[in-house]
């Protein structure tokens, strides 16, 4: 049986199908990119959280390490007159910094001459690592349970007491070895750091922090039921190669997690314990915003299909109306009625169709403009107006098709967190805007500056091959100097510096432009390790 559809119905169906196809294409091309970008942002936020945890641990341990070294150089220690005077000094330090659970001063043979609250005074600790390992140089011991002090120190919680050791040899003013200054740091301070970090991310659900010892990959900080367990994870392997990032992986409990990782590798003269810092969040929790984005795409798509179907129905009616009038008039004439054919200027059906089509084209153009505006927004960083990661990817794809060389600078601000903490996040935003304006002065046509993180920027510059090294170094110093100039934020002056990693890319090399960016990031990491506030070029 042949079913005949009216022109109005056919056009409405065509509108609905066309809109569906457009939305599917848009969702695949733009939607998937948006989802990938959001996944990276979520993962990077966990990676940044691991970095902040590592930074807090380093700052704390550096402080305690420095205090121990400082104490060992005091005249009361290097040229002791009485054990009572030494004990008074040790008690004052413990009173000021309660994290020092026990501080002791031994003679050359490891016998405790003076100690806080006189605990272990007269005891022989020569067999303990806190003495043995500090005979020639300062020693920092990994987390361990109390041995001699378990029953001597207050323990209101009843839990097993754990310590981190810091000790250093003592020399008199004739450089003769006279003993060891030994300290036990209570492991409770790490839980305080963890609690502070949890407060900082309390708006995000199910975040968990882990510290993993380098010795046997055992958990030394984490959920109580997991303490002491050994972990074999990709994130730990990556962190122990001094990488900093995030992965999605399956943990021993069978759950899938987004895991940020960072290696604790010391600060200034404090050498670090090489603990692996992990921050994990269940995938189903971490990627909730992505699910919401997908639901938005589906609902918006259905609404567009219905809207365009209704619009198509009414437009088709207007298009067919002149033809229907002519057909009706023709039928009446065929049956002998005396009717007048509707008068249209020129070819009325074409004029009506043309007008309707112009309206349709106007609507489609408006829709296309809206899509272009959405795409423009997706390419820009909302705060600074710079290109974002997505725009950087598109730029690099076009750039490498046209040019055969580039210099990549990876920039990270030093001191940005201090501005946020002291002047507020609004001032921090103003600082980022002003930094962006200064960096824009370094970028010419067909070159790129992009904001790729909170206070991280990537600059891609193009120079003649014979001038790349000299101009690249000069431009790095110029950007370093420009960023270090003072800023005026909320009526106050503020200053930050920056660290810059750089790398060269040429088409003739076997390295992609993306790998070159990774090399620049590695160079940035070297700058951070070497004291920040300078430029480092990657050397293969």
Protein backbone atom coordinates (compact mmCIF):
# COMPACT_ATOMS: atom_id res chain seq x y z
CA UNK A 1 0.00 0.00 0.00
CA UNK A 2 1.49 3.35 -1.02
CA UNK A 3 1.44 6.01 1.66
CA UNK A 4 1.60 9.60 0.44
CA UNK A 5 2.95 12.25 2.78
CA UNK A 6 2.19 15.92 2.47
CA UNK A 7 4.96 18.40 1.70
CA UNK A 8 4.51 19.85 5.18
CA UNK A 9 5.02 16.44 6.84
CA UNK A 10 7.99 15.60 4.63
CA UNK A 11 9.75 18.88 5.43
CA UNK A 12 9.08 18.49 9.16
CA UNK A 13 10.63 15.00 9.05
CA UNK A 14 13.59 16.29 7.04
CA UNK A 15 14.12 19.07 9.58
CA UNK A 16 14.10 16.59 12.45
CA UNK A 17 16.52 14.18 10.74
CA UNK A 18 18.90 16.97 9.66
CA UNK A 19 18.94 18.44 13.16
CA UNK A 20 19.60 15.00 14.65
CA UNK A 21 22.58 14.46 12.35
CA UNK A 22 23.99 17.91 13.08
CA UNK A 23 23.69 17.32 16.81
CA UNK A 24 25.34 13.89 16.55
CA UNK A 25 28.25 15.33 14.59
CA UNK A 26 28.57 18.24 17.02
CA UNK A 27 28.48 15.88 20.02
CA UNK A 28 31.14 13.59 18.56
CA UNK A 29 33.53 16.35 17.49
CA UNK A 30 33.08 18.98 20.18
CA UNK A 31 31.46 16.98 22.97
CA UNK A 32 34.17 14.32 23.09
CA UNK A 33 36.90 16.94 23.14
CA UNK A 34 35.15 18.72 25.97
CA UNK A 35 34.88 15.47 27.91
CA UNK A 36 38.58 14.68 27.37
CA UNK A 37 39.51 18.18 28.47
CA UNK A 38 37.36 17.89 31.59
CA UNK A 39 38.94 14.51 32.43
CA UNK A 40 42.39 16.10 32.21
CA UNK A 41 41.33 19.01 34.39
CA UNK A 42 39.95 16.65 37.05
CA UNK A 43 43.08 14.47 36.94
CA UNK A 44 45.38 17.49 37.06
CA UNK A 45 43.54 18.85 40.08
CA UNK A 46 44.31 15.61 41.97
CA UNK A 47 47.91 15.81 40.76
CA UNK A 48 48.13 19.39 42.04
CA UNK A 49 46.66 18.30 45.38
CA UNK A 50 49.38 15.64 45.67
CA UNK A 51 51.93 18.35 44.91
CA UNK A 52 50.53 20.59 47.67
CA UNK A 53 50.62 17.68 50.13
CA UNK A 54 54.24 17.00 49.17
CA UNK A 55 55.09 20.68 49.58
CA UNK A 56 53.52 20.80 53.06
CA UNK A 57 55.43 17.68 54.14
CA UNK A 58 58.71 19.08 52.81
CA UNK A 59 58.19 22.45 54.50
CA UNK A 60 57.46 20.81 57.84
CA UNK A 61 60.35 18.34 57.71
CA UNK A 62 62.71 21.05 56.50
CA UNK A 63 61.75 23.20 59.49
CA UNK A 64 62.38 20.39 61.98
CA UNK A 65 65.62 19.38 60.23
CA UNK A 66 66.87 22.97 60.25
CA UNK A 67 65.94 23.42 63.91
CA UNK A 68 67.88 20.28 64.82
CA UNK A 69 70.96 21.43 62.90
CA UNK A 70 70.65 24.92 64.43
CA UNK A 71 70.37 23.48 67.92
CA UNK A 72 73.48 21.34 67.37
CA UNK A 73 75.52 24.47 66.72
CA UNK A 74 74.67 26.31 69.94
CA UNK A 75 77.49 26.85 72.48
CA UNK A 76 75.45 25.05 75.16
CA UNK A 77 75.64 21.88 73.04
CA UNK A 78 79.12 22.22 71.52
CA UNK A 79 80.78 23.22 74.76
CA UNK A 80 78.52 21.85 77.50
CA UNK A 81 79.11 22.96 81.07
CA UNK A 82 76.36 20.93 82.72
CA UNK A 83 73.73 18.39 81.69
CA UNK A 84 71.10 20.45 83.54
CA UNK A 85 71.74 23.42 81.23
CA UNK A 86 71.42 21.16 78.17
CA UNK A 87 68.20 19.63 79.48
CA UNK A 88 66.71 23.09 80.06
CA UNK A 89 67.48 23.96 76.45
CA UNK A 90 66.00 20.70 75.14
CA UNK A 91 62.87 21.10 77.27
CA UNK A 92 62.39 24.66 75.96
CA UNK A 93 62.57 23.43 72.36
CA UNK A 94 60.11 20.61 73.02
CA UNK A 95 57.75 23.01 74.77
CA UNK A 96 57.87 25.34 71.76
CA UNK A 97 57.57 22.55 69.17
CA UNK A 98 55.61 19.63 70.71
CA UNK A 99 56.18 17.51 67.59
CA UNK A 100 59.59 16.73 69.07
CA UNK A 101 58.41 13.84 71.25
CA UNK A 102 61.91 13.24 72.59
CA UNK A 103 65.27 15.02 72.24
CA UNK A 104 68.46 13.58 73.67
CA UNK A 105 72.17 14.38 73.83
CA UNK A 106 74.63 11.48 74.01
CA UNK A 107 78.34 11.16 74.66
CA UNK A 108 80.79 9.65 72.16
CA UNK A 109 79.74 6.12 73.11
CA UNK A 110 75.98 6.58 72.78
CA UNK A 111 75.08 7.05 76.44
CA UNK A 112 72.32 9.62 76.93
CA UNK A 113 73.70 12.50 79.02
CA UNK A 114 70.68 14.80 78.82
CA UNK A 115 67.13 14.43 77.48
CA UNK A 116 63.72 16.04 77.57
CA UNK A 117 62.02 15.26 80.88
CA UNK A 118 65.18 13.20 81.64
CA UNK A 119 63.62 10.27 79.72
CA UNK A 120 66.28 7.61 78.87
CA UNK A 121 68.92 9.65 80.70
CA UNK A 122 71.83 7.30 81.33
CA UNK A 123 70.56 4.76 78.79
CA UNK A 124 72.83 3.31 76.09
CA UNK A 125 71.34 3.93 72.61
CA UNK A 126 74.50 3.11 70.68
CA UNK A 127 72.73 0.23 68.94
CA UNK A 128 69.90 2.41 67.67
CA UNK A 129 70.01 3.88 64.14
CA UNK A 130 69.37 7.36 65.55
CA UNK A 131 72.90 7.17 67.03
CA UNK A 132 74.71 4.78 64.67
CA UNK A 133 73.74 6.59 61.48
CA UNK A 134 74.66 10.05 62.80
CA UNK A 135 78.31 9.46 63.71
CA UNK A 136 79.61 11.29 60.62
CA UNK A 137 76.71 13.27 59.13
CA UNK A 138 73.09 14.22 59.86
CA UNK A 139 70.63 11.33 59.66
CA UNK A 140 66.91 11.22 58.85
CA UNK A 141 65.20 7.90 59.52
CA UNK A 142 61.99 6.65 57.96
CA UNK A 143 58.83 6.02 59.98
CA UNK A 144 59.22 3.34 62.66
CA UNK A 145 57.44 2.20 65.81
CA UNK A 146 58.75 3.19 69.21
CA UNK A 147 61.20 0.74 70.78
CA UNK A 148 62.76 2.28 73.88
CA UNK A 149 60.16 5.05 74.32
CA UNK A 150 56.94 3.05 73.93
CA UNK A 151 56.32 2.79 77.65
CA UNK A 152 57.99 6.05 78.70
CA UNK A 153 56.12 8.71 76.72
CA UNK A 154 52.48 9.77 77.27
CA UNK A 155 50.15 7.95 74.88
CA UNK A 156 46.53 9.01 75.48
CA UNK A 157 45.22 7.32 72.30
CA UNK A 158 46.61 3.90 73.10
CA UNK A 159 47.66 3.42 69.47
CA UNK A 160 51.13 2.23 68.47
CA UNK A 161 53.51 5.19 68.66
CA UNK A 162 55.50 5.96 65.52
CA UNK A 163 58.40 8.33 65.00
CA UNK A 164 60.64 9.88 62.37
CA UNK A 165 64.26 10.26 63.53
CA UNK A 166 66.47 13.29 62.96
CA UNK A 167 69.95 13.26 64.47
CA UNK A 168 73.31 14.90 63.86
CA UNK A 169 76.87 14.52 65.15
CA UNK A 170 78.15 17.12 67.63
CA UNK A 171 81.65 18.53 67.40
CA UNK A 172 83.31 20.84 69.90
CA UNK A 173 85.13 24.00 68.88
CA UNK A 174 88.27 21.93 68.20
CA UNK A 175 86.27 19.83 65.71
CA UNK A 176 86.43 16.82 67.98
CA UNK A 177 83.44 14.44 68.00
CA UNK A 178 81.77 14.64 71.41
CA UNK A 179 78.38 12.98 70.88
CA UNK A 180 75.09 12.91 68.97
CA UNK A 181 72.02 15.13 69.19
CA UNK A 182 69.08 12.76 68.58
CA UNK A 183 65.38 13.60 68.11
CA UNK A 184 62.18 11.63 67.63
CA UNK A 185 59.38 13.40 65.72
CA UNK A 186 55.90 12.18 66.52
CA UNK A 187 54.13 10.80 63.45
CA UNK A 188 50.95 12.60 64.61
CA UNK A 189 52.10 15.79 62.84
CA UNK A 190 51.60 14.07 59.48
CA UNK A 191 47.97 13.39 60.38
CA UNK A 192 47.61 17.10 61.13
CA UNK A 193 48.93 17.90 57.65
CA UNK A 194 46.51 15.36 56.18
CA UNK A 195 43.62 16.91 58.11
CA UNK A 196 44.51 20.37 56.81
CA UNK A 197 44.63 19.05 53.25
CA UNK A 198 41.25 17.35 53.68
CA UNK A 199 39.79 20.66 54.84
CA UNK A 200 41.20 22.29 51.70
CA UNK A 201 39.38 19.78 49.45
CA UNK A 202 36.27 19.30 51.57
CA UNK A 203 34.07 20.41 48.67
CA UNK A 204 35.14 17.27 46.79
CA UNK A 205 33.82 13.89 47.90
CA UNK A 206 35.77 10.73 48.76
CA UNK A 207 39.29 12.20 48.52
CA UNK A 208 41.91 10.03 50.27
CA UNK A 209 45.60 10.75 50.91
CA UNK A 210 48.36 8.14 51.06
CA UNK A 211 52.05 8.24 51.91
CA UNK A 212 54.00 5.21 50.68
CA UNK A 213 57.47 4.39 51.99
CA UNK A 214 60.23 3.90 49.42
CA UNK A 215 61.70 0.97 51.33
CA UNK A 216 59.01 -1.62 50.52
CA UNK A 217 56.13 0.43 49.05
CA UNK A 218 54.31 0.05 52.37
CA UNK A 219 51.53 2.47 53.31
CA UNK A 220 52.63 4.64 56.24
CA UNK A 221 49.72 7.09 56.02
CA UNK A 222 46.23 6.29 54.82
CA UNK A 223 43.01 4.65 56.05
CA UNK A 224 43.66 2.75 59.29
CA UNK A 225 42.78 -0.63 57.78
CA UNK A 226 45.40 -0.16 55.01
CA UNK A 227 48.39 0.92 57.14
CA UNK A 228 51.31 -1.43 56.51
CA UNK A 229 49.94 -2.87 53.27
CA UNK A 230 52.29 -3.05 50.30
CA UNK A 231 51.14 -1.38 47.08
CA UNK A 232 52.15 -2.23 43.52
CA UNK A 233 50.63 0.52 41.37
CA UNK A 234 51.48 2.30 38.15
CA UNK A 235 51.21 5.65 39.94
CA UNK A 236 53.93 4.62 42.42
CA UNK A 237 56.23 3.48 39.61
CA UNK A 238 55.72 6.79 37.80
CA UNK A 239 56.23 8.88 40.95
CA UNK A 240 59.47 7.05 41.82
CA UNK A 241 60.86 8.12 38.43
CA UNK A 242 60.32 11.72 39.63
CA UNK A 243 57.22 12.19 37.50
CA UNK A 244 54.25 14.26 38.63
CA UNK A 245 50.80 13.62 37.19
CA UNK A 246 47.74 11.39 37.37
CA UNK A 247 46.43 8.06 36.11
CA UNK A 248 43.28 5.99 36.31
CA UNK A 249 44.06 2.60 37.81
CA UNK A 250 42.63 -0.35 39.72
CA UNK A 251 43.66 -0.59 43.40
CA UNK A 252 44.00 -3.81 45.42
CA UNK A 253 40.41 -3.44 46.70
CA UNK A 254 39.20 -3.88 43.10
CA UNK A 255 37.98 -0.30 42.82
CA UNK A 256 38.92 2.02 39.97
CA UNK A 257 40.34 5.37 41.05
CA UNK A 258 41.71 8.56 39.57
CA UNK A 259 45.10 8.83 41.28
CA UNK A 260 47.33 11.91 41.49
CA UNK A 261 50.96 11.17 42.38
CA UNK A 262 54.08 13.04 43.49
CA UNK A 263 57.49 12.08 44.89
CA UNK A 264 58.58 13.80 48.10
CA UNK A 265 62.18 14.69 47.31
CA UNK A 266 63.23 17.29 49.82
CA UNK A 267 63.45 21.05 50.09
CA UNK A 268 66.60 23.20 50.21
CA UNK A 269 69.16 21.41 52.39
CA UNK A 270 66.60 18.88 53.67
CA UNK A 271 67.26 15.81 51.44
CA UNK A 272 63.78 14.29 51.69
CA UNK A 273 62.58 10.74 52.43
CA UNK A 274 61.51 9.91 48.84
CA UNK A 275 58.00 9.05 50.03
CA UNK A 276 55.40 8.64 47.30
CA UNK A 277 52.39 10.93 47.82
CA UNK A 278 49.12 9.59 46.36
CA UNK A 279 45.73 11.30 46.24
CA UNK A 280 42.90 9.10 45.01
CA UNK A 281 39.21 9.54 44.25
CA UNK A 282 36.78 6.89 42.93
CA UNK A 283 36.25 7.27 39.18
CA UNK A 284 32.47 7.35 39.55
CA UNK A 285 32.81 10.29 41.98
CA UNK A 286 35.65 12.14 40.23
CA UNK A 287 34.00 12.03 36.81
CA UNK A 288 30.51 13.02 37.98
CA UNK A 289 30.79 16.39 36.14
CA UNK A 290 31.45 14.47 32.93
CA UNK A 291 28.26 12.45 33.39
CA UNK A 292 26.35 15.69 33.91
CA UNK A 293 27.89 17.10 30.73
CA UNK A 294 26.79 14.02 28.76
CA UNK A 295 23.23 14.30 30.13
CA UNK A 296 23.24 17.96 29.10
CA UNK A 297 24.24 17.03 25.55
CA UNK A 298 21.45 14.44 25.34
CA UNK A 299 18.73 16.73 26.72
CA UNK A 300 19.87 19.70 24.62
CA UNK A 301 19.91 17.47 21.54
CA UNK A 302 16.35 16.25 22.09
CA UNK A 303 15.13 19.81 22.64
CA UNK A 304 16.78 20.99 19.42
CA UNK A 305 15.23 18.13 17.45
CA UNK A 306 11.73 18.90 18.75
CA UNK A 307 12.17 22.64 18.25
CA UNK A 308 13.31 22.30 14.67
CA UNK A 309 10.61 19.74 13.88
CA UNK A 310 7.88 22.17 15.04
CA UNK A 311 9.58 25.03 13.22
CA UNK A 312 9.77 22.92 10.09
CA UNK A 313 6.06 22.08 10.30
CA UNK A 314 4.99 25.72 10.35
CA UNK A 315 7.48 26.79 7.71
CA UNK A 316 6.37 23.99 5.42
CA UNK A 317 2.75 25.11 5.83
CA UNK A 318 3.64 28.61 4.66
CA UNK A 319 5.65 27.22 1.76
CA UNK A 320 2.80 24.96 0.59
CA UNK A 321 0.01 27.48 1.09
CA UNK A 322 0.27 29.14 -2.38
CA UNK A 323 0.35 25.74 -4.04
CA UNK A 324 -2.67 24.60 -2.04
CA UNK A 325 -4.57 27.77 -3.02
CA UNK A 326 -3.74 27.18 -6.66
CA UNK A 327 -4.74 23.52 -6.43
CA UNK A 328 -8.04 24.40 -4.75
CA UNK A 329 -8.80 27.00 -7.36
CA UNK A 330 -7.95 24.53 -10.12
CA UNK A 331 -10.23 21.88 -8.63
CA UNK A 332 -13.11 24.33 -8.39
CA UNK A 333 -12.51 25.34 -11.96
CA UNK A 334 -12.50 21.69 -12.99
CA UNK A 335 -15.93 21.21 -11.42
CA UNK A 336 -17.24 24.19 -13.23
CA UNK A 337 -17.26 26.79 -10.56
CA UNK A 338 -16.46 30.32 -11.46
CA UNK A 339 -13.49 31.27 -9.37
CA UNK A 340 -10.63 33.63 -9.87
CA UNK A 341 -7.09 32.28 -9.87
CA UNK A 342 -5.14 33.90 -7.00
CA UNK A 343 -2.97 36.65 -8.32
CA UNK A 344 0.71 36.64 -7.44
CA UNK A 345 3.36 39.02 -8.59
CA UNK A 346 5.59 37.19 -10.96
CA UNK A 347 5.72 33.49 -10.08
CA UNK A 348 4.00 33.65 -6.73
CA UNK A 349 4.96 30.11 -5.62
CA UNK A 350 8.67 30.81 -6.15
CA UNK A 351 8.41 34.19 -4.42
CA UNK A 352 6.72 32.60 -1.41
CA UNK A 353 9.23 29.73 -1.40
CA UNK A 354 12.10 32.16 -1.73
CA UNK A 355 10.86 34.27 1.22
CA UNK A 356 10.37 31.18 3.37
CA UNK A 357 13.77 29.85 2.49
CA UNK A 358 15.34 33.18 3.42
CA UNK A 359 13.71 32.92 6.85
CA UNK A 360 14.98 29.35 7.19
CA UNK A 361 18.49 30.36 6.16
CA UNK A 362 18.39 33.24 8.67
CA UNK A 363 17.45 30.79 11.44
CA UNK A 364 20.16 28.34 10.42
CA UNK A 365 22.70 31.18 10.26
CA UNK A 366 21.71 32.30 13.73
CA UNK A 367 22.14 28.74 14.98
CA UNK A 368 25.52 28.47 13.30
CA UNK A 369 26.63 31.78 14.87
CA UNK A 370 25.60 30.48 18.26
CA UNK A 371 27.62 27.32 17.68
CA UNK A 372 30.63 29.40 16.61
CA UNK A 373 30.32 31.52 19.75
CA UNK A 374 30.20 28.37 21.86
CA UNK A 375 33.29 27.05 20.09
CA UNK A 376 35.06 30.40 20.62
CA UNK A 377 34.28 30.22 24.35
CA UNK A 378 35.58 26.64 24.43
CA UNK A 379 38.91 27.80 22.97
CA UNK A 380 39.58 30.58 25.48
CA UNK A 381 40.57 30.71 29.12
CA UNK A 382 37.67 32.46 30.84
CA UNK A 383 39.81 34.53 33.22
CA UNK A 384 42.71 35.76 31.07
CA UNK A 385 41.27 35.51 27.55
CA UNK A 386 44.32 33.46 26.53
CA UNK A 387 44.10 30.22 24.59
CA UNK A 388 43.37 27.11 26.64
CA UNK A 389 44.70 23.57 26.24
CA UNK A 390 42.17 22.72 23.53
CA UNK A 391 43.09 25.80 21.48
CA UNK A 392 46.79 25.00 22.01
CA UNK A 393 46.28 21.51 20.53
CA UNK A 394 44.59 22.95 17.44
CA UNK A 395 47.31 25.59 17.07
CA UNK A 396 50.13 23.02 17.30
CA UNK A 397 48.47 20.84 14.67
CA UNK A 398 48.32 23.74 12.19
CA UNK A 399 51.71 25.12 13.22
CA UNK A 400 53.63 21.88 12.58
CA UNK A 401 52.07 21.64 9.12
CA UNK A 402 53.41 25.09 8.21
CA UNK A 403 56.70 25.45 10.14
CA UNK A 404 59.62 23.14 10.84
CA UNK A 405 60.93 24.62 14.09
CA UNK A 406 59.82 26.25 17.33
CA UNK A 407 60.86 27.17 20.86
CA UNK A 408 58.54 26.03 23.65
CA UNK A 409 58.56 27.76 27.05
CA UNK A 410 56.77 26.16 30.02
CA UNK A 411 56.19 28.83 32.69
CA UNK A 412 55.08 28.37 36.31
CA UNK A 413 54.66 31.25 38.77
CA UNK A 414 56.66 31.15 42.02
CA UNK A 415 54.87 32.69 44.98
CA UNK A 416 51.38 32.68 43.45
CA UNK A 417 49.91 30.70 46.33
CA UNK A 418 51.29 33.25 48.80
CA UNK A 419 49.46 36.05 46.93
CA UNK A 420 46.23 34.05 47.06
CA UNK A 421 46.69 33.34 50.75
CA UNK A 422 47.60 36.88 51.79
CA UNK A 423 45.63 39.10 49.39
CA UNK A 424 42.76 36.79 48.45
CA UNK A 425 41.71 34.87 45.35
CA UNK A 426 40.42 38.02 43.63
CA UNK A 427 43.91 39.50 43.81
CA UNK A 428 45.27 36.19 42.54
CA UNK A 429 42.94 36.42 39.53
CA UNK A 430 44.08 40.00 38.91
CA UNK A 431 47.69 38.83 39.10
CA UNK A 432 47.06 36.14 36.46
CA UNK A 433 45.42 38.71 34.16
CA UNK A 434 48.39 41.08 34.52
CA UNK A 435 50.91 38.28 33.98
CA UNK A 436 49.02 37.29 30.81
CA UNK A 437 49.17 40.88 29.54
CA UNK A 438 52.94 40.96 30.06
CA UNK A 439 53.44 37.65 28.30
CA UNK A 440 51.33 38.80 25.33
CA UNK A 441 54.03 41.36 24.56
CA UNK A 442 56.38 38.47 23.72
CA UNK A 443 54.07 36.82 21.17
CA UNK A 444 53.89 37.75 17.49
CA UNK A 445 51.63 36.68 14.67
CA UNK A 446 51.30 32.93 14.19
CA UNK A 447 52.81 32.37 17.64
CA UNK A 448 50.98 31.20 20.73
CA UNK A 449 50.56 31.81 24.44
CA UNK A 450 48.20 29.53 26.37
CA UNK A 451 47.19 29.17 29.99
CA UNK A 452 47.28 25.43 30.75
CA UNK A 453 46.78 25.36 34.52
CA UNK A 454 46.17 27.51 37.56
CA UNK A 455 49.41 29.50 37.23
CA UNK A 456 51.03 27.64 34.34
CA UNK A 457 51.52 29.00 30.81
CA UNK A 458 52.96 27.65 27.56
CA UNK A 459 54.53 29.99 25.00
CA UNK A 460 55.40 28.79 21.47
CA UNK A 461 57.71 31.13 19.51
CA UNK A 462 59.15 30.99 15.98
CA UNK A 463 62.68 32.15 15.12
CA UNK A 464 65.08 31.53 12.22
CA UNK A 465 67.03 28.35 12.82
CA UNK A 466 70.36 30.16 13.19
CA UNK A 467 68.92 32.51 15.85
CA UNK A 468 66.90 30.04 17.90
CA UNK A 469 69.45 29.45 20.66
CA UNK A 470 70.47 33.08 21.19
CA UNK A 471 67.01 34.61 20.83
CA UNK A 472 65.40 31.81 22.81
CA UNK A 473 67.70 32.43 25.78
CA UNK A 474 67.20 36.20 25.50
CA UNK A 475 63.41 35.85 25.31
CA UNK A 476 63.39 33.53 28.35
CA UNK A 477 65.31 36.10 30.37
CA UNK A 478 62.99 38.86 29.11
CA UNK A 479 59.86 37.00 30.24
CA UNK A 480 61.52 36.15 33.56
CA UNK A 481 62.30 39.82 34.13
CA UNK A 482 58.87 41.05 32.99
CA UNK A 483 56.99 38.70 35.30
CA UNK A 484 59.21 39.61 38.26
CA UNK A 485 58.27 43.31 38.06
CA UNK A 486 55.95 44.41 40.93
CA UNK A 487 52.15 44.25 40.57
CA UNK A 488 49.44 46.51 41.97
CA UNK A 489 46.64 44.35 43.33
CA UNK A 490 43.64 45.69 45.27
CA UNK A 491 45.59 48.79 46.26
CA UNK A 492 48.61 46.80 47.41
CA UNK A 493 51.95 46.03 45.83
CA UNK A 494 52.82 42.38 45.32
CA UNK A 495 55.66 40.49 43.67
CA UNK A 496 56.08 37.02 42.24
CA UNK A 497 58.77 35.37 40.23
CA UNK A 498 58.57 32.47 37.83
CA UNK A 499 60.38 29.33 36.77
CA UNK A 500 60.74 28.60 33.05
CA UNK A 501 61.56 25.34 31.32
CA UNK A 502 62.31 25.49 27.60
CA UNK A 503 62.95 23.11 24.73
CA UNK A 504 63.64 23.34 20.99
CA UNK A 505 61.65 21.49 18.32
CA UNK A 506 62.65 20.88 14.73
CA UNK A 507 60.85 18.84 12.13
CA UNK A 508 64.05 16.95 11.35
CA UNK A 509 64.25 15.55 14.87
CA UNK A 510 62.49 12.35 15.87
CA UNK A 511 60.64 14.19 18.64
CA UNK A 512 57.08 15.48 18.23
CA UNK A 513 56.00 18.95 19.28
CA UNK A 514 53.95 17.32 22.06
CA UNK A 515 57.03 15.53 23.37
CA UNK A 516 58.90 18.83 23.17
CA UNK A 517 56.30 20.35 25.50
CA UNK A 518 56.92 17.42 27.86
CA UNK A 519 60.64 18.17 27.69
CA UNK A 520 59.98 21.81 28.52
CA UNK A 521 57.89 20.61 31.48
CA UNK A 522 60.79 18.39 32.59
CA UNK A 523 63.10 21.39 32.36
CA UNK A 524 60.65 23.37 34.48
CA UNK A 525 60.81 20.62 37.06
CA UNK A 526 64.61 20.95 37.08
CA UNK A 527 64.25 24.69 37.68
CA UNK A 528 61.98 24.00 40.64
CA UNK A 529 64.53 21.58 42.07
CA UNK A 530 67.44 23.99 41.55
CA UNK A 531 65.88 26.92 43.38
CA UNK A 532 63.31 28.41 41.01
CA UNK A 533 63.35 31.89 39.35
CA UNK A 534 65.48 31.05 36.31
CA UNK A 535 65.31 29.56 32.82
CA UNK A 536 66.52 26.07 31.98
CA UNK A 537 66.75 24.69 28.42
CA UNK A 538 66.31 20.96 27.93
CA UNK A 539 69.42 19.06 26.96
CA UNK A 540 68.96 15.68 25.28
